Every structure is written in structure tokens, then in C-alpha cells.
Amino acid sequence: MFLSSPTMSLAFGPGRQVCSSINRAKCRTDLFVAIAGHIVTLNSRFFGVSQTYYTTHVDNSTSQISWIGSVQIPALFFIETLSGRLTDPGCFRITFAAGTLFTCLGVFTTSLSTTFWQLLLSQSLCTGLGNGLMFTPSLAVVSTYFKRRRAFGITATGSAAGGPIFPSMARQLLGSIGFACAVGAMGLMQLITLDMANLLLRPRIPPRQSVPWIDLVWFKREGYLFFAIGIFTFWTTFFPFYCLTCFAVSQLDKTLTYSAALNILLVVNGVGIIGRSLPNAIAHHFGSITVLIPVVFISSKCLFTWPAVSTEAGSYAWASAYGIVAGASMSLFPPALPDLRMVVHKTGVRMGMIFTTNSIATLTGPPIAGMITRRSGGHYLSAQIFAGASLLLQLRLVAESLNQ
């Protein structure tokens, strides 16, 4: 009699349906937010396609051309403090829309560029700043929807997915329609997908009214300080992504053509999907920093073994191994920041400070490696040792941040 009362029917019947509907709606929102973050990182991998093309079609040295990519990534990271600061007080929509505009404008003007300085301004500065205005805001929003894994695995796999897409488009389109139209087609794809991200990303928590531009107090905390310096020594993580095709074209016992070398670039980016998803699933149980430490160790060992690669098969094998661990390290350090006991509504500023610190490293790392290569007569051995040693230093610093 009690179980069939109208009151109990109301409590256990429609109420349960309402809760189920709310949960389903929340799951859909969470999924859309993660997909939007995936789209943002998907559109951040463009320069690796152009490096080898520019070395053969632009009248500048390889070390000068490397500045195009070396400025683009630091420009992305340098503006992260500003974009993170604008996200926390509720300016996410304007900041992300401005990033979309700068990114697409930079890609479309790159398609019209013919000189080194035009490429530096359009692809490096304009596209880099646009990516920076989108990157930290999107990560900060995604981080508020997920408590533990924070969906950074799904979000970070976008970079690995974009890695194969853009080289494939370049390989198919450069020979048939030329550089300008090929880059224009990539820009159109970015415009469509980023418009989707603008519609899908929605801030969850209310804005803070008083947010500092720079929260220097956190650098007094040893754990945060060691982690920031450790991320600074990311220095040469991107070096193989820029130079692997050039290495295959010039350093193997049987050198490859540009088209064949692009296949290796496809591999090193494509396997990153594994590196950006599986380690994040493991980090769900053990913590991001705990998983990041062995990943950085394996990455350094891969760079120390790179000089032994001398065949096409060896290049594919090495690219597969490095692509996995490099993808893992790049995807693990953003979700590791909340592990440092940051307050959720202050994530934007403190995440931005880490990225801005990293901008100096990404600006100087590849050119230093390129200079070492040039002074070594075009041989990569010294630069490869420098890259491996930098990651060993990062390993020590990140491990120290965990102990604080």
C-alpha cells in the first residue's frame, strides 16, 4: 500500500526520469565541450607541413626558415597569460572569437606570401597569436567540466589528428593546384571547424570580478616553480617535428624525396593519438605528473637514439616511438597543473603563466638546435644530443615538483 502511494510514485517515477534527462543533457554538453577542445588543438599543427617546402622554394637558409615555426609556437605561448586572464573574468567569447579571426587571417595571408618576411608576419605572428588566444581559454573551459581526467586526452588528440590531416592535404594539393590554393584550402577547413568550436564551447563557472593579470605569488610555491622551470626545458621537444623531414631528405644512407619524407611526418603526428589518449587514461588513476615523469625519460632516450637511424625503415620505427612519447608529454603537462592544487576559477591565469614561460623556450630551442646543426656542417648529432640532454633536465625538475 505504501509503495503504491501517489507520493512515492512521484518520487521514484517522474523524478527519476527528470534526473536521468538532466544527466543525459549534462553528458551531451560535456562531450560537445571536449570535441570543441579537440577542434582547437587540431588546427594548431600547420608549420611542419611547410618547413621542407620553404627550404626549397624560399631563398633563405634553413636556419632562417626555422624561425617561421620557432616564432609561431612562442607567439602562441607568449599570449597565453593575456588570454587566460581574459577567460577568468568572463571574456571567453570575445577572446576565442578574436583568436579564430587571427588564425584564419594568418593562414589566408600565408597563402599569398612569397617572401620570408611575409611568411614570418602571417604564419608566425598572426597565426601564432590567434592560436594563443584560443588555446588556454579552451583548455581552461574544458578543465572546469571534468574533475579528474579533465578530458584533456580527447582534447589533446586533436593535435595528433591535425598532424596527419594537413600533411596529407599538402601532399595531394601542392603538386596539383599550387601552394596558394593548397594553403587556402587548409584555411577554409580551419574556418569551418573553428566556427563549430565557437558554437560548442560554453563556460561553466560564473566569471570572477577581480582577477590579477599575473599571479606571481604562485612562483613562491616550490612545486609550481619547479614545474614551471621544468616546462621551460621543453626546449627541444618540437625540434624533431620541424626537422624530421629534412633529416630524411639529407641524412639517411638512401635519402628520401620530399613526398616520401612527408609520410614520416604523417607517422610521427598520427601515432600521437595513442600518446595523447592512453597515458591520460593511466593518469586518471595515478596522477598526471606521476605519469609525465617516465614519459619524459623515454622521450630523452628516444632523442639519444635518433643518431643511430640511417634507413627509411628505421626512420618510420623511430618516428612511431617518438611520436607516442612526445604526444604523451605534450598532452600531460596541461592537466598536471590542476594537480598542483590550483583553485579551479583561477586556472586560466596560472595556466597562462606556465605557457608564457614556455614561450621563451620554444622560441630559442629549435633555432639553437638549428645553429648547432649548421656549425656541425649540416650533421644532426650534436643537436640530437642537446635535445636529449634538455629533456633529462626537464625530468629532474618535474620530479622535484612532485616531491614538494
Protein backbone atom coordinates (compact mmCIF):
# COMPACT_ATOMS: atom_id res chain seq x y z
CA MET A 1 0.00 0.00 0.00
CA PHE A 2 2.82 2.36 0.92
CA LEU A 3 4.83 1.65 -2.24
CA SER A 4 1.87 2.37 -4.49
CA SER A 5 1.04 5.76 -2.98
CA PRO A 6 0.94 8.76 -5.30
CA THR A 7 3.70 10.42 -3.29
CA MET A 8 6.09 7.55 -3.80
CA SER A 9 5.14 7.31 -7.48
CA LEU A 10 6.08 10.95 -7.83
CA ALA A 11 9.36 10.48 -6.00
CA PHE A 12 10.53 7.35 -7.78
CA GLY A 13 8.85 7.69 -11.19
CA PRO A 14 8.87 11.08 -12.88
CA GLY A 15 11.59 12.37 -10.55
CA ARG A 16 13.93 9.64 -11.65
CA GLN A 17 13.12 10.43 -15.29
CA VAL A 18 13.85 14.11 -14.73
CA CYS A 19 17.22 13.27 -13.12
CA SER A 20 18.02 10.92 -15.98
CA SER A 21 17.18 13.64 -18.52
CA ILE A 22 19.38 16.13 -16.67
CA ASN A 23 22.28 13.66 -16.61
CA ARG A 24 21.92 12.95 -20.32
CA ALA A 25 21.89 16.66 -21.10
CA LYS A 26 24.99 17.18 -18.96
CA CYS A 27 26.80 14.30 -20.70
CA ARG A 28 25.98 15.79 -24.10
CA THR A 29 27.27 19.19 -23.00
CA ASP A 30 30.48 17.65 -21.62
CA LEU A 31 31.01 15.72 -24.84
CA PHE A 32 30.47 18.80 -27.01
CA VAL A 33 32.95 20.78 -24.92
CA ALA A 34 35.59 18.05 -25.23
CA ILE A 35 35.03 17.87 -29.01
CA ALA A 36 35.37 21.66 -29.26
CA GLY A 37 38.70 21.47 -27.44
CA HIS A 38 39.72 18.71 -29.84
CA ILE A 39 38.94 21.02 -32.79
CA VAL A 40 41.08 23.83 -31.35
CA THR A 41 44.19 21.66 -30.99
CA LEU A 42 43.50 20.03 -34.38
CA ASN A 43 44.07 23.37 -36.07
CA SER A 44 47.39 24.10 -34.35
CA ARG A 45 49.66 21.82 -36.42
CA PHE A 46 50.49 23.58 -39.68
CA PHE A 47 54.16 24.56 -39.83
CA GLY A 48 55.62 21.05 -40.05
CA VAL A 49 53.99 20.77 -43.47
CA SER A 50 55.72 23.92 -44.71
CA GLN A 51 59.27 23.57 -43.35
CA THR A 52 60.67 21.39 -46.12
CA TYR A 53 58.65 23.20 -48.82
CA TYR A 54 60.05 26.58 -47.75
CA THR A 55 63.63 25.30 -47.77
CA THR A 56 63.28 24.50 -51.49
CA HIS A 57 61.08 27.41 -52.61
CA VAL A 58 62.12 30.38 -50.45
CA ASP A 59 65.52 31.99 -51.00
CA ASN A 60 66.69 31.79 -47.39
CA SER A 61 68.84 29.41 -45.35
CA THR A 62 67.37 26.52 -43.39
CA SER A 63 68.21 28.17 -40.06
CA GLN A 64 66.38 31.36 -41.13
CA ILE A 65 63.34 29.40 -42.28
CA SER A 66 63.25 27.56 -38.96
CA TRP A 67 62.42 30.92 -37.36
CA ILE A 68 58.97 30.77 -39.01
CA GLY A 69 57.96 27.82 -36.88
CA SER A 70 60.11 28.91 -33.96
CA VAL A 71 58.25 32.22 -33.73
CA GLN A 72 54.78 30.74 -34.31
CA ILE A 73 54.83 28.42 -31.28
CA PRO A 74 56.28 31.03 -28.86
CA ALA A 75 53.75 33.59 -30.12
CA LEU A 76 51.08 31.05 -29.21
CA PHE A 77 52.51 30.53 -25.71
CA PHE A 78 53.50 34.15 -25.06
CA ILE A 79 49.96 35.49 -25.26
CA GLU A 80 48.58 32.74 -23.03
CA THR A 81 48.80 34.87 -19.86
CA LEU A 82 46.63 37.53 -21.53
CA SER A 83 44.12 35.04 -22.93
CA GLY A 84 43.98 33.14 -19.62
CA ARG A 85 43.46 36.38 -17.71
CA LEU A 86 40.62 37.39 -20.06
CA THR A 87 38.96 33.99 -19.64
CA ASP A 88 38.60 34.09 -15.85
CA PRO A 89 36.56 37.36 -15.61
CA GLY A 90 34.09 36.26 -18.32
CA CYS A 91 35.61 37.48 -21.61
CA PHE A 92 35.93 33.97 -23.04
CA ARG A 93 33.62 34.51 -26.03
CA ILE A 94 35.36 37.68 -27.25
CA THR A 95 38.84 36.23 -26.69
CA PHE A 96 38.09 32.97 -28.50
CA ALA A 97 36.38 34.75 -31.42
CA ALA A 98 39.39 37.07 -31.80
CA GLY A 99 41.66 34.02 -31.84
CA THR A 100 39.57 32.46 -34.60
CA LEU A 101 39.80 35.67 -36.64
CA PHE A 102 43.60 36.00 -36.26
CA THR A 103 44.19 32.31 -37.01
CA CYS A 104 42.17 32.27 -40.23
CA LEU A 105 43.54 35.65 -41.33
CA GLY A 106 47.08 34.38 -40.80
CA VAL A 107 46.53 31.22 -42.84
CA PHE A 108 44.83 33.02 -45.72
CA THR A 109 47.57 35.70 -45.87
CA THR A 110 50.19 32.92 -45.75
CA SER A 111 48.70 31.58 -48.99
CA LEU A 112 49.50 34.94 -50.62
CA SER A 113 53.01 35.30 -49.15
CA THR A 114 56.11 34.92 -51.33
CA THR A 115 58.98 36.23 -49.17
CA PHE A 116 60.48 35.22 -45.84
CA TRP A 117 59.27 38.34 -44.01
CA GLN A 118 55.73 37.96 -45.32
CA LEU A 119 55.66 34.36 -44.10
CA LEU A 120 57.12 35.40 -40.73
CA LEU A 121 54.41 38.03 -40.19
CA SER A 122 51.46 35.99 -41.48
CA GLN A 123 52.17 32.40 -40.47
CA SER A 124 54.34 33.02 -37.42
CA LEU A 125 52.90 36.09 -35.71
CA CYS A 126 49.30 36.31 -36.91
CA THR A 127 48.52 32.58 -36.78
CA GLY A 128 50.55 32.06 -33.61
CA LEU A 129 48.79 34.86 -31.74
CA GLY A 130 45.43 33.58 -32.97
CA ASN A 131 46.15 30.08 -31.70
CA GLY A 132 47.27 31.53 -28.38
CA LEU A 133 44.01 33.45 -27.95
CA MET A 134 42.12 30.17 -28.34
CA PHE A 135 44.37 27.58 -26.66
CA THR A 136 44.39 28.48 -22.95
CA PRO A 137 40.74 29.66 -22.91
CA SER A 138 39.60 26.38 -24.42
CA LEU A 139 41.72 24.30 -22.01
CA ALA A 140 40.54 26.37 -19.04
CA VAL A 141 36.89 25.85 -20.01
CA VAL A 142 37.36 22.12 -20.61
CA SER A 143 39.12 21.73 -17.24
CA THR A 144 36.04 23.04 -15.38
CA TYR A 145 33.81 20.29 -16.81
CA PHE A 146 35.87 17.29 -15.70
CA LYS A 147 37.23 16.70 -12.21
CA ARG A 148 39.85 14.02 -12.73
CA ARG A 149 40.86 13.16 -16.26
CA ARG A 150 39.50 16.55 -17.37
CA ALA A 151 39.01 15.24 -20.93
CA PHE A 152 42.47 16.51 -21.87
CA GLY A 153 43.01 13.17 -23.61
CA ILE A 154 40.21 13.83 -26.11
CA THR A 155 41.21 17.47 -26.44
CA ALA A 156 44.92 16.77 -26.92
CA THR A 157 44.34 14.10 -29.59
CA GLY A 158 43.20 16.94 -31.84
CA SER A 159 46.82 17.94 -32.35
CA ALA A 160 47.70 14.39 -33.36
CA ALA A 161 44.68 14.23 -35.68
CA GLY A 162 45.60 17.53 -37.30
CA GLY A 163 49.16 16.27 -37.79
CA PRO A 164 48.19 13.70 -40.46
CA ILE A 165 45.41 15.84 -41.99
CA PHE A 166 47.49 18.84 -43.03
CA PRO A 167 50.48 16.90 -44.47
CA SER A 168 48.01 14.73 -46.42
CA MET A 169 46.31 17.82 -47.83
CA ALA A 170 49.70 19.30 -48.71
CA ARG A 171 50.86 16.14 -50.46
CA GLN A 172 47.66 15.92 -52.52
CA LEU A 173 47.21 19.59 -53.33
CA LEU A 174 50.66 21.21 -53.65
CA GLY A 175 51.51 19.43 -56.88
CA SER A 176 48.09 19.87 -58.48
CA ILE A 177 46.85 23.35 -57.51
CA GLY A 178 49.95 25.04 -56.12
CA PHE A 179 50.96 26.49 -52.75
CA ALA A 180 48.50 29.40 -52.62
CA CYS A 181 45.37 27.33 -53.31
CA ALA A 182 46.55 24.43 -51.12
CA VAL A 183 47.08 26.70 -48.11
CA GLY A 184 43.79 28.46 -48.90
CA ALA A 185 42.00 25.09 -48.74
CA MET A 186 43.57 24.41 -45.34
CA GLY A 187 42.44 27.85 -44.20
CA LEU A 188 38.88 27.13 -45.31
CA MET A 189 38.88 23.91 -43.31
CA GLN A 190 40.14 25.79 -40.25
CA LEU A 191 37.47 28.48 -40.67
CA ILE A 192 34.65 25.91 -40.76
CA THR A 193 35.90 23.82 -37.83
CA LEU A 194 36.74 26.79 -35.61
CA ASP A 195 33.28 28.25 -36.21
CA MET A 196 31.95 24.95 -34.84
CA ALA A 197 34.19 25.29 -31.77
CA ASN A 198 32.84 28.82 -31.16
CA LEU A 199 29.35 27.39 -31.01
CA LEU A 200 30.19 24.36 -28.83
CA LEU A 201 32.44 25.83 -26.12
CA ARG A 202 30.47 27.21 -23.17
CA PRO A 203 31.99 28.43 -19.88
CA ARG A 204 30.52 26.52 -16.92
CA ILE A 205 31.50 28.54 -13.85
CA PRO A 206 30.49 32.18 -13.25
CA PRO A 207 33.15 34.82 -14.04
CA ARG A 208 35.39 36.27 -11.35
CA GLN A 209 35.22 40.05 -10.97
CA SER A 210 38.73 40.53 -9.55
CA VAL A 211 41.43 38.63 -11.40
CA PRO A 212 45.15 39.60 -11.36
CA TRP A 213 46.96 39.82 -14.67
CA ILE A 214 49.90 37.88 -13.21
CA ASP A 215 49.70 35.84 -10.00
CA LEU A 216 53.38 35.93 -9.02
CA VAL A 217 52.62 34.54 -5.56
CA TRP A 218 52.45 31.08 -7.11
CA PHE A 219 56.11 31.25 -8.14
CA LYS A 220 56.93 31.32 -4.42
CA ARG A 221 55.47 27.83 -4.14
CA GLU A 222 58.32 25.43 -4.85
CA GLY A 223 56.16 22.82 -6.55
CA TYR A 224 54.77 25.34 -9.06
CA LEU A 225 58.22 26.94 -9.56
CA PHE A 226 59.99 23.64 -10.28
CA PHE A 227 57.20 22.64 -12.64
CA ALA A 228 57.39 25.98 -14.50
CA ILE A 229 61.17 25.66 -14.94
CA GLY A 230 60.71 22.03 -15.98
CA ILE A 231 58.23 23.03 -18.68
CA PHE A 232 60.71 25.72 -19.79
CA THR A 233 63.15 22.92 -20.62
CA PHE A 234 60.58 21.59 -23.08
CA TRP A 235 63.07 23.47 -25.28
CA THR A 236 63.66 20.86 -27.97
CA THR A 237 60.53 18.69 -27.88
CA PHE A 238 59.32 20.24 -31.15
CA PHE A 239 62.75 20.01 -32.84
CA PRO A 240 62.14 16.56 -34.44
CA PHE A 241 58.71 17.64 -35.72
CA TYR A 242 60.33 20.53 -37.60
CA CYS A 243 63.44 18.72 -38.82
CA LEU A 244 62.49 15.07 -39.26
CA THR A 245 61.58 15.51 -42.94
CA CYS A 246 64.79 17.48 -43.58
CA PHE A 247 66.74 14.75 -41.79
CA ALA A 248 65.15 12.09 -44.03
CA VAL A 249 65.86 14.13 -47.17
CA SER A 250 69.54 14.74 -46.36
CA GLN A 251 70.94 12.40 -43.70
CA LEU A 252 69.79 8.83 -44.41
CA ASP A 253 72.03 6.36 -46.22
CA LYS A 254 69.47 6.39 -49.01
CA THR A 255 67.87 9.83 -48.89
CA LEU A 256 64.14 10.25 -49.48
CA THR A 257 62.19 12.58 -51.72
CA TYR A 258 60.12 15.37 -50.17
CA SER A 259 56.89 13.45 -50.83
CA ALA A 260 58.26 10.29 -49.19
CA ALA A 261 59.61 12.27 -46.23
CA LEU A 262 56.13 13.70 -45.64
CA ASN A 263 54.96 10.14 -44.93
CA ILE A 264 57.30 10.05 -41.93
CA LEU A 265 55.80 13.33 -40.73
CA LEU A 266 52.37 11.70 -41.06
CA VAL A 267 53.53 8.84 -38.85
CA VAL A 268 55.13 10.94 -36.09
CA ASN A 269 51.95 13.01 -35.85
CA GLY A 270 49.46 10.19 -36.36
CA VAL A 271 50.75 7.91 -33.60
CA GLY A 272 50.41 10.86 -31.27
CA ILE A 273 46.73 9.91 -31.00
CA ILE A 274 47.88 6.91 -28.94
CA GLY A 275 50.29 9.04 -26.92
CA ARG A 276 47.67 11.67 -26.17
CA SER A 277 44.90 9.28 -25.12
CA LEU A 278 46.33 6.17 -23.41
CA PRO A 279 48.66 7.99 -20.94
CA ASN A 280 45.80 10.32 -19.98
CA ALA A 281 43.69 7.27 -19.17
CA ILE A 282 46.51 5.96 -16.97
CA ALA A 283 46.90 9.39 -15.39
CA HIS A 284 43.25 9.17 -14.36
CA HIS A 285 44.34 6.60 -11.77
CA PHE A 286 47.92 7.64 -10.88
CA GLY A 287 48.06 11.40 -11.50
CA SER A 288 49.35 13.39 -14.49
CA ILE A 289 52.74 14.32 -13.01
CA THR A 290 53.40 10.73 -11.93
CA VAL A 291 52.82 9.53 -15.50
CA LEU A 292 54.66 12.50 -17.06
CA ILE A 293 57.97 11.59 -15.37
CA PRO A 294 58.56 8.19 -17.11
CA VAL A 295 57.21 9.63 -20.37
CA VAL A 296 59.84 12.41 -20.35
CA PHE A 297 62.54 9.82 -19.53
CA ILE A 298 61.58 7.67 -22.53
CA SER A 299 61.43 10.79 -24.75
CA SER A 300 65.01 11.69 -23.84
CA LYS A 301 66.16 8.13 -24.59
CA CYS A 302 64.48 8.34 -28.00
CA LEU A 303 66.35 11.54 -28.82
CA PHE A 304 69.66 9.96 -27.78
CA THR A 305 68.96 7.02 -30.13
CA TRP A 306 68.00 9.24 -33.08
CA PRO A 307 71.61 9.45 -34.41
CA ALA A 308 71.55 5.68 -34.96
CA VAL A 309 68.74 6.00 -37.53
CA SER A 310 70.15 5.61 -41.05
CA THR A 311 67.45 3.84 -43.11
CA GLU A 312 63.91 4.54 -44.21
CA ALA A 313 62.55 1.66 -42.11
CA GLY A 314 64.48 2.91 -39.11
CA SER A 315 63.02 6.39 -39.62
CA TYR A 316 59.48 5.01 -39.54
CA ALA A 317 60.21 2.96 -36.41
CA TRP A 318 61.85 5.88 -34.62
CA ALA A 319 59.11 8.30 -35.67
CA SER A 320 56.48 5.90 -34.30
CA ALA A 321 58.19 5.60 -30.91
CA TYR A 322 58.97 9.30 -30.53
CA GLY A 323 55.54 10.39 -31.77
CA ILE A 324 53.87 8.39 -29.00
CA VAL A 325 56.01 9.64 -26.11
CA ALA A 326 56.24 13.24 -27.37
CA GLY A 327 52.48 13.34 -27.82
CA ALA A 328 52.08 11.98 -24.29
CA SER A 329 54.38 14.60 -22.75
CA MET A 330 52.67 17.47 -24.59
CA SER A 331 49.21 16.31 -23.52
CA LEU A 332 50.06 15.54 -19.89
CA PHE A 333 51.51 18.82 -18.70
CA PRO A 334 48.32 20.96 -19.04
CA PRO A 335 46.20 18.59 -16.87
CA ALA A 336 49.16 18.32 -14.47
CA LEU A 337 48.65 21.98 -13.50
CA PRO A 338 45.43 21.35 -11.51
CA ASP A 339 47.34 18.57 -9.73
CA LEU A 340 49.39 21.38 -8.16
CA ARG A 341 46.32 22.24 -6.04
CA MET A 342 45.21 25.24 -8.11
CA VAL A 343 41.79 26.74 -7.45
CA VAL A 344 39.53 25.93 -10.43
CA HIS A 345 38.33 29.51 -11.05
CA LYS A 346 41.97 30.71 -11.18
CA THR A 347 43.07 28.08 -13.69
CA GLY A 348 43.18 30.49 -16.66
CA VAL A 349 45.78 32.90 -15.21
CA ARG A 350 48.06 30.24 -13.74
CA MET A 351 47.89 28.03 -16.82
CA GLY A 352 48.66 31.09 -18.94
CA MET A 353 51.73 31.94 -16.84
CA ILE A 354 53.15 28.45 -17.46
CA PHE A 355 52.55 28.73 -21.21
CA THR A 356 54.09 32.21 -21.35
CA THR A 357 57.19 30.91 -19.55
CA ASN A 358 57.34 28.10 -22.10
CA SER A 359 57.21 30.61 -24.97
CA ILE A 360 60.84 31.63 -24.33
CA ALA A 361 61.96 28.01 -24.54
CA THR A 362 60.04 27.25 -27.73
CA LEU A 363 61.38 30.46 -29.29
CA THR A 364 65.02 29.64 -28.61
CA GLY A 365 65.12 25.82 -28.66
CA PRO A 366 64.72 24.98 -32.39
CA PRO A 367 66.96 27.86 -33.59
CA ILE A 368 69.67 26.79 -31.12
CA ALA A 369 69.39 23.24 -32.41
CA GLY A 370 69.50 24.59 -35.98
CA MET A 371 72.58 26.67 -35.21
CA ILE A 372 74.28 23.62 -33.66
CA THR A 373 73.44 21.63 -36.80
CA ARG A 374 74.84 24.35 -39.07
CA ARG A 375 78.06 24.64 -37.08
CA SER A 376 78.38 20.85 -37.28
CA GLY A 377 78.49 21.01 -41.05
CA GLY A 378 74.84 20.04 -41.53
CA HIS A 379 75.11 16.95 -39.32
CA TYR A 380 72.48 16.49 -36.63
CA LEU A 381 74.43 14.55 -33.97
CA SER A 382 75.28 17.46 -31.66
CA ALA A 383 71.75 18.88 -31.90
CA GLN A 384 70.26 15.48 -31.12
CA ILE A 385 72.43 15.15 -28.00
CA PHE A 386 71.44 18.68 -26.95
CA ALA A 387 67.76 17.76 -27.37
CA GLY A 388 68.09 14.60 -25.28
CA ALA A 389 70.02 16.37 -22.53
CA SER A 390 67.36 19.11 -22.30
CA LEU A 391 64.68 16.52 -21.60
CA LEU A 392 66.83 14.86 -18.94
CA LEU A 393 66.97 18.22 -17.18
CA GLN A 394 63.20 18.53 -17.50
CA LEU A 395 62.83 15.08 -15.96
CA ARG A 396 64.77 16.14 -12.87
CA LEU A 397 62.79 19.36 -12.41
CA VAL A 398 59.34 17.82 -12.89
CA ALA A 399 60.23 15.03 -10.47
CA GLU A 400 61.28 17.66 -7.93
CA SER A 401 57.94 19.47 -8.32
CA LEU A 402 56.18 16.24 -7.35
CA ASN A 403 58.21 16.00 -4.16
CA GLN A 404 57.24 19.47 -2.93
